[in-house]
Amino acid sequence: MVDKVVMNGDQLEYEIENQNTPPELRADWPLPSFDARDWAKAFCKTAKGKGLDIDEGWMLSWFAASLMRGFDEANARIAQRVSAAVS
């Protein structure tokens, strides 16, 4: 049984085919992840393939801050809608 959220038929087929594939080897990695370590690792791997050597620790701090900022913005928007609805 697939315990993933199914977006459409193509996604279901992809999830079934890749259910035993380690996350780092999936074609959609790191898109489903909210872990800054995954994003930093993928970014540095891509940069290295383009001849750039970027410090993964530095990128970890950048992605952690970026992901948290997105989380904070989403929560602020939700709080604003709730506040407007109860006013």
C-alpha atoms as a PDB file:
ATOM      1  CA  MET A   1       0.000   0.000   0.000  1.00  0.00           C
ATOM      2  CA  VAL A   2       1.237   3.491  -0.849  1.00  0.00           C
ATOM      3  CA  ASP A   3       1.020   5.874   2.101  1.00  0.00           C
ATOM      4  CA  LYS A   4       1.896   8.991   0.087  1.00  0.00           C
ATOM      5  CA  VAL A   5      -0.368  11.834  -0.949  1.00  0.00           C
ATOM      6  CA  VAL A   6      -1.470  11.228  -4.514  1.00  0.00           C
ATOM      7  CA  MET A   7      -1.596  14.336  -6.679  1.00  0.00           C
ATOM      8  CA  ASN A   8      -2.651  12.620  -9.904  1.00  0.00           C
ATOM      9  CA  GLY A   9      -2.311   9.325 -11.721  1.00  0.00           C
ATOM     10  CA  ASP A  10       1.252  10.013 -12.827  1.00  0.00           C
ATOM     11  CA  GLN A  11       2.299  10.754  -9.239  1.00  0.00           C
ATOM     12  CA  LEU A  12       0.774   7.498  -8.022  1.00  0.00           C
ATOM     13  CA  GLU A  13       2.641   5.521 -10.659  1.00  0.00           C
ATOM     14  CA  TYR A  14       5.897   7.299  -9.737  1.00  0.00           C
ATOM     15  CA  GLU A  15       5.383   6.635  -6.010  1.00  0.00           C
ATOM     16  CA  ILE A  16       4.663   2.951  -6.612  1.00  0.00           C
ATOM     17  CA  GLU A  17       7.754   2.561  -8.781  1.00  0.00           C
ATOM     18  CA  ASN A  18       9.962   4.390  -6.275  1.00  0.00           C
ATOM     19  CA  GLN A  19       8.573   3.258  -2.923  1.00  0.00           C
ATOM     20  CA  ASN A  20      11.811   1.423  -2.042  1.00  0.00           C
ATOM     21  CA  THR A  21      14.159   4.000  -3.558  1.00  0.00           C
ATOM     22  CA  PRO A  22      16.253   5.967  -1.048  1.00  0.00           C
ATOM     23  CA  PRO A  23      15.120   9.622  -1.020  1.00  0.00           C
ATOM     24  CA  GLU A  24      18.460  10.923  -2.361  1.00  0.00           C
ATOM     25  CA  LEU A  25      18.150   8.728  -5.460  1.00  0.00           C
ATOM     26  CA  ARG A  26      14.648   9.820  -6.431  1.00  0.00           C
ATOM     27  CA  ALA A  27      14.261  12.219  -9.363  1.00  0.00           C
ATOM     28  CA  ASP A  28      12.161  14.587  -7.242  1.00  0.00           C
ATOM     29  CA  TRP A  29      14.665  14.833  -4.381  1.00  0.00           C
ATOM     30  CA  PRO A  30      14.911  17.164  -2.426  1.00  0.00           C
ATOM     31  CA  LEU A  31      11.552  18.702  -3.427  1.00  0.00           C
ATOM     32  CA  PRO A  32       9.436  16.705  -0.917  1.00  0.00           C
ATOM     33  CA  SER A  33      11.837  17.480   1.942  1.00  0.00           C
ATOM     34  CA  PHE A  34      11.650  20.264   4.513  1.00  0.00           C
ATOM     35  CA  ASP A  35      15.077  19.306   5.855  1.00  0.00           C
ATOM     36  CA  ALA A  36      17.693  21.977   5.165  1.00  0.00           C
ATOM     37  CA  ARG A  37      20.384  19.268   5.141  1.00  0.00           C
ATOM     38  CA  ASP A  38      18.769  17.646   2.093  1.00  0.00           C
ATOM     39  CA  TRP A  39      18.548  20.963   0.248  1.00  0.00           C
ATOM     40  CA  ALA A  40      22.138  21.936   1.089  1.00  0.00           C
ATOM     41  CA  LYS A  41      23.421  18.542  -0.013  1.00  0.00           C
ATOM     42  CA  ALA A  42      21.506  18.665  -3.320  1.00  0.00           C
ATOM     43  CA  PHE A  43      22.546  22.268  -3.974  1.00  0.00           C
ATOM     44  CA  CYS A  44      26.228  21.542  -3.361  1.00  0.00           C
ATOM     45  CA  LYS A  45      26.050  18.435  -5.547  1.00  0.00           C
ATOM     46  CA  THR A  46      24.592  20.482  -8.410  1.00  0.00           C
ATOM     47  CA  ALA A  47      27.147  23.265  -7.875  1.00  0.00           C
ATOM     48  CA  LYS A  48      30.000  20.750  -7.876  1.00  0.00           C
ATOM     49  CA  GLY A  49      28.730  19.391 -11.212  1.00  0.00           C
ATOM     50  CA  LYS A  50      29.117  22.932 -12.567  1.00  0.00           C
ATOM     51  CA  GLY A  51      32.674  23.235 -11.254  1.00  0.00           C
ATOM     52  CA  LEU A  52      31.809  25.222  -8.114  1.00  0.00           C
ATOM     53  CA  ASP A  53      32.979  24.188  -4.669  1.00  0.00           C
ATOM     54  CA  ILE A  54      30.508  25.578  -2.124  1.00  0.00           C
ATOM     55  CA  ASP A  55      30.702  24.842   1.582  1.00  0.00           C
ATOM     56  CA  GLU A  56      27.794  22.574   2.549  1.00  0.00           C
ATOM     57  CA  GLY A  57      27.709  23.914   6.127  1.00  0.00           C
ATOM     58  CA  TRP A  58      27.251  27.442   4.848  1.00  0.00           C
ATOM     59  CA  MET A  59      24.457  26.319   2.535  1.00  0.00           C
ATOM     60  CA  LEU A  60      22.864  24.401   5.417  1.00  0.00           C
ATOM     61  CA  SER A  61      22.522  27.626   7.386  1.00  0.00           C
ATOM     62  CA  TRP A  62      21.164  29.432   4.317  1.00  0.00           C
ATOM     63  CA  PHE A  63      18.539  26.767   3.550  1.00  0.00           C
ATOM     64  CA  ALA A  64      17.553  26.408   7.221  1.00  0.00           C
ATOM     65  CA  ALA A  65      16.903  30.152   7.426  1.00  0.00           C
ATOM     66  CA  SER A  66      15.081  30.161   4.094  1.00  0.00           C
ATOM     67  CA  LEU A  67      12.832  27.221   4.954  1.00  0.00           C
ATOM     68  CA  MET A  68      12.037  28.706   8.360  1.00  0.00           C
ATOM     69  CA  ARG A  69      11.200  32.059   6.790  1.00  0.00           C
ATOM     70  CA  GLY A  70       8.754  30.304   4.458  1.00  0.00           C
ATOM     71  CA  PHE A  71       7.209  28.507   7.415  1.00  0.00           C
ATOM     72  CA  ASP A  72       6.878  31.754   9.370  1.00  0.00           C
ATOM     73  CA  GLU A  73       5.303  33.536   6.399  1.00  0.00           C
ATOM     74  CA  ALA A  74       2.753  30.759   5.901  1.00  0.00           C
ATOM     75  CA  ASN A  75       1.798  30.857   9.594  1.00  0.00           C
ATOM     76  CA  ALA A  76       1.507  34.662   9.544  1.00  0.00           C
ATOM     77  CA  ARG A  77      -0.843  34.481   6.551  1.00  0.00           C
ATOM     78  CA  ILE A  78      -2.966  31.830   8.271  1.00  0.00           C
ATOM     79  CA  ALA A  79      -3.115  33.907  11.463  1.00  0.00           C
ATOM     80  CA  GLN A  80      -4.146  36.950   9.437  1.00  0.00           C
ATOM     81  CA  ARG A  81      -6.998  35.024   7.757  1.00  0.00           C
ATOM     82  CA  VAL A  82      -8.173  33.616  11.101  1.00  0.00           C
ATOM     83  CA  SER A  83      -8.059  37.059  12.675  1.00  0.00           C
ATOM     84  CA  ALA A  84     -10.068  38.542   9.805  1.00  0.00           C
ATOM     85  CA  ALA A  85     -12.607  35.703   9.987  1.00  0.00           C
ATOM     86  CA  VAL A  86     -13.290  36.139  13.697  1.00  0.00           C
ATOM     87  CA  SER A  87     -13.461  39.948  13.530  1.00  0.00           C
END
